[in-house]
Amino acid sequence: RLRGAAGAPGIVLCHGNAAHSGWWDFIAPALAETHRVAAMDFAGMG
């Protein structure tokens, strides 16, 4: 899931075991105010 303006400094968010990228849904939007934020799902999850 990608949020934030292109060209802004980047942040990549990685979830825990047996979890999914939605764990960052209430964290990432605030970070995306100043950064380009990618919250990912590991293979076999999310």
All heavy atoms as atom14 arrays in JSON, in Angstrom:
{
  "sequence": "RLRGAAGAPGIVLCHGNAAHSGWWDFIAPALAETHRVAAMDFAGMG",
  "atom14_mask": [
    [1, 1, 1, 1, 1, 1, 1, 1, 1, 1, 1, 0, 0, 0],
    [1, 1, 1, 1, 1, 1, 1, 1, 0, 0, 0, 0, 0, 0],
    [1, 1, 1, 1, 1, 1, 1, 1, 1, 1, 1, 0, 0, 0],
    [1, 1, 1, 1, 0, 0, 0, 0, 0, 0, 0, 0, 0, 0],
    [1, 1, 1, 1, 1, 0, 0, 0, 0, 0, 0, 0, 0, 0],
    [1, 1, 1, 1, 1, 0, 0, 0, 0, 0, 0, 0, 0, 0],
    [1, 1, 1, 1, 0, 0, 0, 0, 0, 0, 0, 0, 0, 0],
    [1, 1, 1, 1, 1, 0, 0, 0, 0, 0, 0, 0, 0, 0],
    [1, 1, 1, 1, 1, 1, 1, 0, 0, 0, 0, 0, 0, 0],
    [1, 1, 1, 1, 0, 0, 0, 0, 0, 0, 0, 0, 0, 0],
    [1, 1, 1, 1, 1, 1, 1, 1, 0, 0, 0, 0, 0, 0],
    [1, 1, 1, 1, 1, 1, 1, 0, 0, 0, 0, 0, 0, 0],
    [1, 1, 1, 1, 1, 1, 1, 1, 0, 0, 0, 0, 0, 0],
    [1, 1, 1, 1, 1, 1, 0, 0, 0, 0, 0, 0, 0, 0],
    [1, 1, 1, 1, 1, 1, 1, 1, 1, 1, 0, 0, 0, 0],
    [1, 1, 1, 1, 0, 0, 0, 0, 0, 0, 0, 0, 0, 0],
    [1, 1, 1, 1, 1, 1, 1, 1, 0, 0, 0, 0, 0, 0],
    [1, 1, 1, 1, 1, 0, 0, 0, 0, 0, 0, 0, 0, 0],
    [1, 1, 1, 1, 1, 0, 0, 0, 0, 0, 0, 0, 0, 0],
    [1, 1, 1, 1, 1, 1, 1, 1, 1, 1, 0, 0, 0, 0],
    [1, 1, 1, 1, 1, 1, 0, 0, 0, 0, 0, 0, 0, 0],
    [1, 1, 1, 1, 0, 0, 0, 0, 0, 0, 0, 0, 0, 0],
    [1, 1, 1, 1, 1, 1, 1, 1, 1, 1, 1, 1, 1, 1],
    [1, 1, 1, 1, 1, 1, 1, 1, 1, 1, 1, 1, 1, 1],
    [1, 1, 1, 1, 1, 1, 1, 1, 0, 0, 0, 0, 0, 0],
    [1, 1, 1, 1, 1, 1, 1, 1, 1, 1, 1, 0, 0, 0],
    [1, 1, 1, 1, 1, 1, 1, 1, 0, 0, 0, 0, 0, 0],
    [1, 1, 1, 1, 1, 0, 0, 0, 0, 0, 0, 0, 0, 0],
    [1, 1, 1, 1, 1, 1, 1, 0, 0, 0, 0, 0, 0, 0],
    [1, 1, 1, 1, 1, 0, 0, 0, 0, 0, 0, 0, 0, 0],
    [1, 1, 1, 1, 1, 1, 1, 1, 0, 0, 0, 0, 0, 0],
    [1, 1, 1, 1, 1, 0, 0, 0, 0, 0, 0, 0, 0, 0],
    [1, 1, 1, 1, 1, 1, 1, 1, 1, 0, 0, 0, 0, 0],
    [1, 1, 1, 1, 1, 1, 1, 0, 0, 0, 0, 0, 0, 0],
    [1, 1, 1, 1, 1, 1, 1, 1, 1, 1, 0, 0, 0, 0],
    [1, 1, 1, 1, 1, 1, 1, 1, 1, 1, 1, 0, 0, 0],
    [1, 1, 1, 1, 1, 1, 1, 0, 0, 0, 0, 0, 0, 0],
    [1, 1, 1, 1, 1, 0, 0, 0, 0, 0, 0, 0, 0, 0],
    [1, 1, 1, 1, 1, 0, 0, 0, 0, 0, 0, 0, 0, 0],
    [1, 1, 1, 1, 1, 1, 1, 1, 0, 0, 0, 0, 0, 0],
    [1, 1, 1, 1, 1, 1, 1, 1, 0, 0, 0, 0, 0, 0],
    [1, 1, 1, 1, 1, 1, 1, 1, 1, 1, 1, 0, 0, 0],
    [1, 1, 1, 1, 1, 0, 0, 0, 0, 0, 0, 0, 0, 0],
    [1, 1, 1, 1, 0, 0, 0, 0, 0, 0, 0, 0, 0, 0],
    [1, 1, 1, 1, 1, 1, 1, 1, 0, 0, 0, 0, 0, 0],
    [1, 1, 1, 1, 0, 0, 0, 0, 0, 0, 0, 0, 0, 0]
  ],
  "atom14_positions": [
    [[0.86, -1.18, 0.0], [0.0, 0.0, 0.0], [0.89, 1.23, 0.0], [1.77, 1.37, 0.85], [-0.9, 0.0, 1.25], [-1.66, -1.3, 1.44], [-2.45, -1.31, 2.73], [-3.07, -2.62, 2.94], [-4.24, -2.8, 3.56], [-4.91, -1.77, 4.04], [-4.73, -4.01, 3.71], [0.0, 0.0, 0.0], [0.0, 0.0, 0.0], [0.0, 0.0, 0.0]],
    [[0.67, 2.12, -0.94], [1.54, 3.28, -1.12], [0.77, 4.56, -0.81], [-0.34, 4.78, -1.3], [2.07, 3.32, -2.55], [3.17, 4.33, -2.86], [4.43, 4.03, -2.05], [3.5, 4.3, -4.36], [0.0, 0.0, 0.0], [0.0, 0.0, 0.0], [0.0, 0.0, 0.0], [0.0, 0.0, 0.0], [0.0, 0.0, 0.0], [0.0, 0.0, 0.0]],
    [[1.37, 5.41, 0.01], [0.78, 6.69, 0.4], [1.84, 7.78, 0.3], [3.03, 7.5, 0.42], [0.24, 6.64, 1.83], [-0.87, 5.62, 2.09], [-1.17, 5.58, 3.59], [-2.34, 4.79, 3.94], [-2.32, 3.49, 4.21], [-1.16, 2.83, 4.16], [-3.43, 2.84, 4.55], [0.0, 0.0, 0.0], [0.0, 0.0, 0.0], [0.0, 0.0, 0.0]],
    [[1.4, 9.02, 0.16], [2.32, 10.15, 0.18], [2.74, 10.6, -1.2], [2.58, 9.89, -2.2], [0.0, 0.0, 0.0], [0.0, 0.0, 0.0], [0.0, 0.0, 0.0], [0.0, 0.0, 0.0], [0.0, 0.0, 0.0], [0.0, 0.0, 0.0], [0.0, 0.0, 0.0], [0.0, 0.0, 0.0], [0.0, 0.0, 0.0], [0.0, 0.0, 0.0]],
    [[3.31, 11.79, -1.25], [3.66, 12.43, -2.51], [4.92, 11.83, -3.11], [5.88, 11.52, -2.4], [3.85, 13.93, -2.29], [0.0, 0.0, 0.0], [0.0, 0.0, 0.0], [0.0, 0.0, 0.0], [0.0, 0.0, 0.0], [0.0, 0.0, 0.0], [0.0, 0.0, 0.0], [0.0, 0.0, 0.0], [0.0, 0.0, 0.0], [0.0, 0.0, 0.0]],
    [[4.92, 11.69, -4.42], [6.13, 11.25, -5.12], [7.23, 12.27, -4.9], [6.98, 13.48, -4.89], [5.83, 11.1, -6.61], [0.0, 0.0, 0.0], [0.0, 0.0, 0.0], [0.0, 0.0, 0.0], [0.0, 0.0, 0.0], [0.0, 0.0, 0.0], [0.0, 0.0, 0.0], [0.0, 0.0, 0.0], [0.0, 0.0, 0.0], [0.0, 0.0, 0.0]],
    [[8.43, 11.8, -4.7], [9.56, 12.68, -4.46], [9.84, 12.95, -3.01], [10.93, 13.43, -2.65], [0.0, 0.0, 0.0], [0.0, 0.0, 0.0], [0.0, 0.0, 0.0], [0.0, 0.0, 0.0], [0.0, 0.0, 0.0], [0.0, 0.0, 0.0], [0.0, 0.0, 0.0], [0.0, 0.0, 0.0], [0.0, 0.0, 0.0], [0.0, 0.0, 0.0]],
    [[8.88, 12.64, -2.12], [9.1, 12.82, -0.68], [10.03, 11.72, -0.17], [10.13, 10.65, -0.78], [7.78, 12.79, 0.07], [0.0, 0.0, 0.0], [0.0, 0.0, 0.0], [0.0, 0.0, 0.0], [0.0, 0.0, 0.0], [0.0, 0.0, 0.0], [0.0, 0.0, 0.0], [0.0, 0.0, 0.0], [0.0, 0.0, 0.0], [0.0, 0.0, 0.0]],
    [[10.74, 11.95, 0.92], [11.6, 10.89, 1.49], [10.79, 9.62, 1.74], [9.62, 9.68, 2.11], [12.1, 11.51, 2.79], [11.96, 12.99, 2.6], [10.76, 13.18, 1.73], [0.0, 0.0, 0.0], [0.0, 0.0, 0.0], [0.0, 0.0, 0.0], [0.0, 0.0, 0.0], [0.0, 0.0, 0.0], [0.0, 0.0, 0.0], [0.0, 0.0, 0.0]],
    [[11.42, 8.47, 1.56], [10.72, 7.21, 1.63], [10.75, 6.53, 2.99], [11.72, 6.66, 3.74], [0.0, 0.0, 0.0], [0.0, 0.0, 0.0], [0.0, 0.0, 0.0], [0.0, 0.0, 0.0], [0.0, 0.0, 0.0], [0.0, 0.0, 0.0], [0.0, 0.0, 0.0], [0.0, 0.0, 0.0], [0.0, 0.0, 0.0], [0.0, 0.0, 0.0]],
    [[9.67, 5.81, 3.29], [9.59, 4.93, 4.46], [8.94, 3.63, 4.0], [7.94, 3.64, 3.29], [8.74, 5.54, 5.59], [9.4, 6.79, 6.17], [8.5, 4.52, 6.7], [8.58, 7.48, 7.27], [0.0, 0.0, 0.0], [0.0, 0.0, 0.0], [0.0, 0.0, 0.0], [0.0, 0.0, 0.0], [0.0, 0.0, 0.0], [0.0, 0.0, 0.0]],
    [[9.52, 2.49, 4.4], [8.94, 1.18, 4.13], [8.59, 0.53, 5.46], [9.43, 0.47, 6.37], [9.89, 0.29, 3.32], [9.31, -1.11, 3.15], [10.18, 0.9, 1.96], [0.0, 0.0, 0.0], [0.0, 0.0, 0.0], [0.0, 0.0, 0.0], [0.0, 0.0, 0.0], [0.0, 0.0, 0.0], [0.0, 0.0, 0.0], [0.0, 0.0, 0.0]],
    [[7.35, 0.04, 5.58], [6.83, -0.54, 6.81], [6.61, -2.04, 6.63], [5.93, -2.46, 5.69], [5.51, 0.14, 7.19], [5.56, 1.67, 7.34], [4.15, 2.23, 7.52], [6.45, 2.06, 8.51], [0.0, 0.0, 0.0], [0.0, 0.0, 0.0], [0.0, 0.0, 0.0], [0.0, 0.0, 0.0], [0.0, 0.0, 0.0], [0.0, 0.0, 0.0]],
    [[7.17, -2.84, 7.54], [7.09, -4.29, 7.45], [6.38, -4.86, 8.69], [6.78, -4.58, 9.81], [8.49, -4.89, 7.35], [9.45, -4.28, 5.95], [0.0, 0.0, 0.0], [0.0, 0.0, 0.0], [0.0, 0.0, 0.0], [0.0, 0.0, 0.0], [0.0, 0.0, 0.0], [0.0, 0.0, 0.0], [0.0, 0.0, 0.0], [0.0, 0.0, 0.0]],
    [[5.36, -5.66, 8.46], [4.56, -6.22, 9.54], [5.22, -7.44, 10.17], [6.23, -7.95, 9.69], [3.16, -6.59, 9.02], [3.19, -7.64, 7.94], [3.42, -8.98, 8.2], [3.04, -7.55, 6.59], [3.39, -9.66, 7.08], [3.18, -8.83, 6.08], [0.0, 0.0, 0.0], [0.0, 0.0, 0.0], [0.0, 0.0, 0.0], [0.0, 0.0, 0.0]],
    [[4.61, -7.94, 11.24], [5.13, -9.11, 11.94], [4.63, -10.42, 11.35], [3.88, -10.44, 10.36], [0.0, 0.0, 0.0], [0.0, 0.0, 0.0], [0.0, 0.0, 0.0], [0.0, 0.0, 0.0], [0.0, 0.0, 0.0], [0.0, 0.0, 0.0], [0.0, 0.0, 0.0], [0.0, 0.0, 0.0], [0.0, 0.0, 0.0], [0.0, 0.0, 0.0]],
    [[5.03, -11.52, 11.98], [4.62, -12.85, 11.52], [3.11, -13.02, 11.64], [2.49, -12.57, 12.6], [5.32, -13.92, 12.35], [4.85, -15.32, 11.99], [4.75, -15.66, 10.82], [4.57, -16.12, 13.0], [0.0, 0.0, 0.0], [0.0, 0.0, 0.0], [0.0, 0.0, 0.0], [0.0, 0.0, 0.0], [0.0, 0.0, 0.0], [0.0, 0.0, 0.0]],
    [[2.53, -13.66, 10.63], [1.1, -13.95, 10.62], [0.25, -12.68, 10.69], [-0.88, -12.69, 11.17], [0.72, -14.89, 11.77], [0.0, 0.0, 0.0], [0.0, 0.0, 0.0], [0.0, 0.0, 0.0], [0.0, 0.0, 0.0], [0.0, 0.0, 0.0], [0.0, 0.0, 0.0], [0.0, 0.0, 0.0], [0.0, 0.0, 0.0], [0.0, 0.0, 0.0]],
    [[0.81, -11.58, 10.19], [0.08, -10.3, 10.18], [-0.09, -9.83, 8.73], [0.01, -10.63, 7.8], [0.82, -9.26, 11.02], [0.0, 0.0, 0.0], [0.0, 0.0, 0.0], [0.0, 0.0, 0.0], [0.0, 0.0, 0.0], [0.0, 0.0, 0.0], [0.0, 0.0, 0.0], [0.0, 0.0, 0.0], [0.0, 0.0, 0.0], [0.0, 0.0, 0.0]],
    [[-0.33, -8.55, 8.54], [-0.56, -8.03, 7.19], [-0.35, -6.52, 7.21], [-0.23, -5.89, 8.27], [-1.97, -8.37, 6.7], [-3.07, -7.88, 7.61], [-3.65, -6.65, 7.49], [-3.67, -8.48, 8.68], [-4.58, -6.5, 8.42], [-4.61, -7.6, 9.16], [0.0, 0.0, 0.0], [0.0, 0.0, 0.0], [0.0, 0.0, 0.0], [0.0, 0.0, 0.0]],
    [[-0.32, -5.92, 6.01], [0.0, -4.49, 5.9], [-1.02, -3.59, 6.56], [-0.72, -2.44, 6.88], [0.15, -4.11, 4.42], [-1.02, -4.44, 3.69], [0.0, 0.0, 0.0], [0.0, 0.0, 0.0], [0.0, 0.0, 0.0], [0.0, 0.0, 0.0], [0.0, 0.0, 0.0], [0.0, 0.0, 0.0], [0.0, 0.0, 0.0], [0.0, 0.0, 0.0]],
    [[-2.24, -4.09, 6.77], [-3.27, -3.28, 7.42], [-2.94, -2.9, 8.85], [-3.55, -1.98, 9.41], [0.0, 0.0, 0.0], [0.0, 0.0, 0.0], [0.0, 0.0, 0.0], [0.0, 0.0, 0.0], [0.0, 0.0, 0.0], [0.0, 0.0, 0.0], [0.0, 0.0, 0.0], [0.0, 0.0, 0.0], [0.0, 0.0, 0.0], [0.0, 0.0, 0.0]],
    [[-1.95, -3.59, 9.45], [-1.52, -3.21, 10.8], [-0.96, -1.79, 10.82], [-0.88, -1.16, 11.88], [-0.45, -4.17, 11.3], [-0.96, -5.49, 11.79], [-1.69, -6.42, 11.08], [-0.77, -6.05, 13.09], [-1.96, -7.51, 11.87], [-1.4, -7.32, 13.1], [-0.1, -5.62, 14.24], [-1.4, -8.15, 14.22], [-0.1, -6.44, 15.35], [-0.74, -7.68, 15.35]],
    [[-0.55, -1.29, 9.67], [0.03, 0.05, 9.59], [-0.98, 1.09, 9.11], [-0.62, 2.26, 8.96], [1.23, 0.05, 8.65], [2.35, -0.81, 9.07], [2.65, -2.07, 8.61], [3.37, -0.51, 10.05], [3.77, -2.56, 9.23], [4.23, -1.63, 10.11], [3.62, 0.59, 10.86], [5.34, -1.67, 10.97], [4.72, 0.55, 11.71], [5.55, -0.56, 11.76]],
    [[-2.24, 0.7, 8.87], [-3.22, 1.63, 8.28], [-3.48, 2.85, 9.14], [-3.87, 3.91, 8.62], [-4.55, 0.9, 8.02], [-4.54, 0.11, 6.73], [-3.54, 0.18, 5.99], [-5.54, -0.6, 6.46], [0.0, 0.0, 0.0], [0.0, 0.0, 0.0], [0.0, 0.0, 0.0], [0.0, 0.0, 0.0], [0.0, 0.0, 0.0], [0.0, 0.0, 0.0]],
    [[-3.31, 2.74, 10.45], [-3.57, 3.87, 11.33], [-2.27, 4.57, 11.73], [-2.28, 5.52, 12.49], [-4.35, 3.43, 12.58], [-3.9, 2.12, 13.15], [-2.95, 2.06, 14.15], [-4.44, 0.93, 12.67], [-2.55, 0.85, 14.67], [-4.04, -0.29, 13.19], [-3.09, -0.33, 14.18], [0.0, 0.0, 0.0], [0.0, 0.0, 0.0], [0.0, 0.0, 0.0]],
    [[-1.13, 4.08, 11.2], [0.17, 4.69, 11.42], [0.64, 5.43, 10.16], [1.08, 6.58, 10.21], [1.23, 3.63, 11.81], [0.76, 2.81, 13.03], [2.57, 4.28, 12.06], [0.65, 3.58, 14.3], [0.0, 0.0, 0.0], [0.0, 0.0, 0.0], [0.0, 0.0, 0.0], [0.0, 0.0, 0.0], [0.0, 0.0, 0.0], [0.0, 0.0, 0.0]],
    [[0.52, 4.76, 9.02], [1.07, 5.26, 7.76], [0.51, 6.61, 7.31], [1.28, 7.45, 6.81], [0.87, 4.22, 6.66], [0.0, 0.0, 0.0], [0.0, 0.0, 0.0], [0.0, 0.0, 0.0], [0.0, 0.0, 0.0], [0.0, 0.0, 0.0], [0.0, 0.0, 0.0], [0.0, 0.0, 0.0], [0.0, 0.0, 0.0], [0.0, 0.0, 0.0]],
    [[-0.8, 6.89, 7.44], [-1.3, 8.19, 6.95], [-0.63, 9.39, 7.59], [-0.36, 10.39, 6.92], [-2.8, 8.13, 7.27], [-3.12, 6.68, 7.24], [-1.92, 6.01, 7.84], [0.0, 0.0, 0.0], [0.0, 0.0, 0.0], [0.0, 0.0, 0.0], [0.0, 0.0, 0.0], [0.0, 0.0, 0.0], [0.0, 0.0, 0.0], [0.0, 0.0, 0.0]],
    [[-0.34, 9.31, 8.88], [0.34, 10.43, 9.54], [1.75, 10.59, 9.01], [2.23, 11.72, 8.81], [0.35, 10.21, 11.05], [0.0, 0.0, 0.0], [0.0, 0.0, 0.0], [0.0, 0.0, 0.0], [0.0, 0.0, 0.0], [0.0, 0.0, 0.0], [0.0, 0.0, 0.0], [0.0, 0.0, 0.0], [0.0, 0.0, 0.0], [0.0, 0.0, 0.0]],
    [[2.44, 9.48, 8.75], [3.79, 9.54, 8.21], [3.78, 10.06, 6.77], [4.73, 10.72, 6.33], [4.44, 8.16, 8.25], [4.46, 7.44, 9.61], [5.12, 6.08, 9.47], [5.16, 8.3, 10.65], [0.0, 0.0, 0.0], [0.0, 0.0, 0.0], [0.0, 0.0, 0.0], [0.0, 0.0, 0.0], [0.0, 0.0, 0.0], [0.0, 0.0, 0.0]],
    [[2.7, 9.77, 6.05], [2.6, 10.17, 4.64], [2.38, 11.67, 4.46], [2.43, 12.17, 3.33], [1.47, 9.4, 3.96], [0.0, 0.0, 0.0], [0.0, 0.0, 0.0], [0.0, 0.0, 0.0], [0.0, 0.0, 0.0], [0.0, 0.0, 0.0], [0.0, 0.0, 0.0], [0.0, 0.0, 0.0], [0.0, 0.0, 0.0], [0.0, 0.0, 0.0]],
    [[2.17, 12.38, 5.56], [2.06, 13.84, 5.45], [3.39, 14.45, 5.02], [3.42, 15.52, 4.4], [1.61, 14.42, 6.79], [0.19, 14.02, 7.18], [-0.16, 14.48, 8.59], [0.67, 15.2, 9.2], [-1.26, 14.13, 9.08], [0.0, 0.0, 0.0], [0.0, 0.0, 0.0], [0.0, 0.0, 0.0], [0.0, 0.0, 0.0], [0.0, 0.0, 0.0]],
    [[4.48, 13.77, 5.32], [5.81, 14.3, 4.98], [6.67, 13.3, 4.2], [7.75, 13.66, 3.76], [6.58, 14.67, 6.27], [6.6, 13.53, 7.15], [5.91, 15.84, 6.98], [0.0, 0.0, 0.0], [0.0, 0.0, 0.0], [0.0, 0.0, 0.0], [0.0, 0.0, 0.0], [0.0, 0.0, 0.0], [0.0, 0.0, 0.0], [0.0, 0.0, 0.0]],
    [[6.19, 12.04, 4.05], [6.99, 11.0, 3.43], [6.18, 10.2, 2.4], [4.95, 10.24, 2.4], [7.55, 10.04, 4.48], [8.64, 10.63, 5.32], [8.42, 11.59, 6.28], [9.99, 10.4, 5.34], [9.57, 11.93, 6.86], [10.53, 11.22, 6.3], [0.0, 0.0, 0.0], [0.0, 0.0, 0.0], [0.0, 0.0, 0.0], [0.0, 0.0, 0.0]],
    [[6.89, 9.51, 1.54], [6.32, 8.52, 0.63], [6.4, 7.19, 1.36], [7.5, 6.71, 1.66], [7.15, 8.49, -0.66], [6.64, 7.53, -1.73], [5.59, 8.19, -2.56], [5.47, 7.57, -3.87], [4.4, 7.71, -4.64], [3.36, 8.42, -4.22], [4.35, 7.14, -5.84], [0.0, 0.0, 0.0], [0.0, 0.0, 0.0], [0.0, 0.0, 0.0]],
    [[5.25, 6.58, 1.7], [5.2, 5.46, 2.62], [4.66, 4.21, 1.93], [3.55, 4.23, 1.37], [4.33, 5.79, 3.85], [4.33, 4.63, 4.83], [4.83, 7.07, 4.52], [0.0, 0.0, 0.0], [0.0, 0.0, 0.0], [0.0, 0.0, 0.0], [0.0, 0.0, 0.0], [0.0, 0.0, 0.0], [0.0, 0.0, 0.0], [0.0, 0.0, 0.0]],
    [[5.42, 3.13, 1.98], [5.0, 1.84, 1.44], [4.85, 0.85, 2.59], [5.82, 0.57, 3.3], [6.01, 1.32, 0.43], [0.0, 0.0, 0.0], [0.0, 0.0, 0.0], [0.0, 0.0, 0.0], [0.0, 0.0, 0.0], [0.0, 0.0, 0.0], [0.0, 0.0, 0.0], [0.0, 0.0, 0.0], [0.0, 0.0, 0.0], [0.0, 0.0, 0.0]],
    [[3.63, 0.32, 2.78], [3.38, -0.73, 3.78], [3.15, -2.03, 3.03], [2.2, -2.14, 2.26], [2.18, -0.36, 4.64], [0.0, 0.0, 0.0], [0.0, 0.0, 0.0], [0.0, 0.0, 0.0], [0.0, 0.0, 0.0], [0.0, 0.0, 0.0], [0.0, 0.0, 0.0], [0.0, 0.0, 0.0], [0.0, 0.0, 0.0], [0.0, 0.0, 0.0]],
    [[3.99, -3.02, 3.25], [4.01, -4.22, 2.41], [3.46, -5.45, 3.12], [3.36, -5.51, 4.34], [5.43, -4.51, 1.95], [6.41, -4.75, 3.11], [8.02, -5.31, 2.53], [7.62, -6.98, 2.0], [0.0, 0.0, 0.0], [0.0, 0.0, 0.0], [0.0, 0.0, 0.0], [0.0, 0.0, 0.0], [0.0, 0.0, 0.0], [0.0, 0.0, 0.0]],
    [[3.06, -6.43, 2.3], [2.69, -7.76, 2.77], [3.79, -8.74, 2.35], [4.12, -8.84, 1.17], [1.37, -8.23, 2.13], [0.16, -7.48, 2.63], [0.07, -7.25, 3.84], [-0.7, -7.12, 1.8], [0.0, 0.0, 0.0], [0.0, 0.0, 0.0], [0.0, 0.0, 0.0], [0.0, 0.0, 0.0], [0.0, 0.0, 0.0], [0.0, 0.0, 0.0]],
    [[4.35, -9.48, 3.29], [5.31, -10.51, 2.95], [4.62, -11.62, 2.17], [3.4, -11.81, 2.26], [5.96, -11.1, 4.21], [6.97, -10.19, 4.86], [6.7, -9.57, 6.07], [8.19, -9.96, 4.25], [7.63, -8.74, 6.67], [9.14, -9.13, 4.84], [8.85, -8.52, 6.05], [0.0, 0.0, 0.0], [0.0, 0.0, 0.0], [0.0, 0.0, 0.0]],
    [[5.39, -12.38, 1.4], [4.85, -13.5, 0.63], [4.08, -14.46, 1.54], [4.54, -14.81, 2.63], [5.97, -14.25, -0.08], [0.0, 0.0, 0.0], [0.0, 0.0, 0.0], [0.0, 0.0, 0.0], [0.0, 0.0, 0.0], [0.0, 0.0, 0.0], [0.0, 0.0, 0.0], [0.0, 0.0, 0.0], [0.0, 0.0, 0.0], [0.0, 0.0, 0.0]],
    [[2.88, -14.83, 1.11], [2.06, -15.74, 1.89], [1.3, -15.1, 3.02], [0.64, -15.78, 3.81], [0.0, 0.0, 0.0], [0.0, 0.0, 0.0], [0.0, 0.0, 0.0], [0.0, 0.0, 0.0], [0.0, 0.0, 0.0], [0.0, 0.0, 0.0], [0.0, 0.0, 0.0], [0.0, 0.0, 0.0], [0.0, 0.0, 0.0], [0.0, 0.0, 0.0]],
    [[1.36, -13.77, 3.11], [0.64, -13.04, 4.14], [-0.09, -11.87, 3.49], [0.29, -11.41, 2.41], [1.6, -12.55, 5.23], [2.46, -13.65, 5.84], [3.57, -13.05, 7.15], [4.84, -14.32, 7.12], [0.0, 0.0, 0.0], [0.0, 0.0, 0.0], [0.0, 0.0, 0.0], [0.0, 0.0, 0.0], [0.0, 0.0, 0.0], [0.0, 0.0, 0.0]],
    [[-1.13, -11.4, 4.15], [-1.89, -10.27, 3.59], [-2.43, -10.6, 2.21], [-2.99, -11.68, 1.98], [0.0, 0.0, 0.0], [0.0, 0.0, 0.0], [0.0, 0.0, 0.0], [0.0, 0.0, 0.0], [0.0, 0.0, 0.0], [0.0, 0.0, 0.0], [0.0, 0.0, 0.0], [0.0, 0.0, 0.0], [0.0, 0.0, 0.0], [0.0, 0.0, 0.0]]
  ]
}
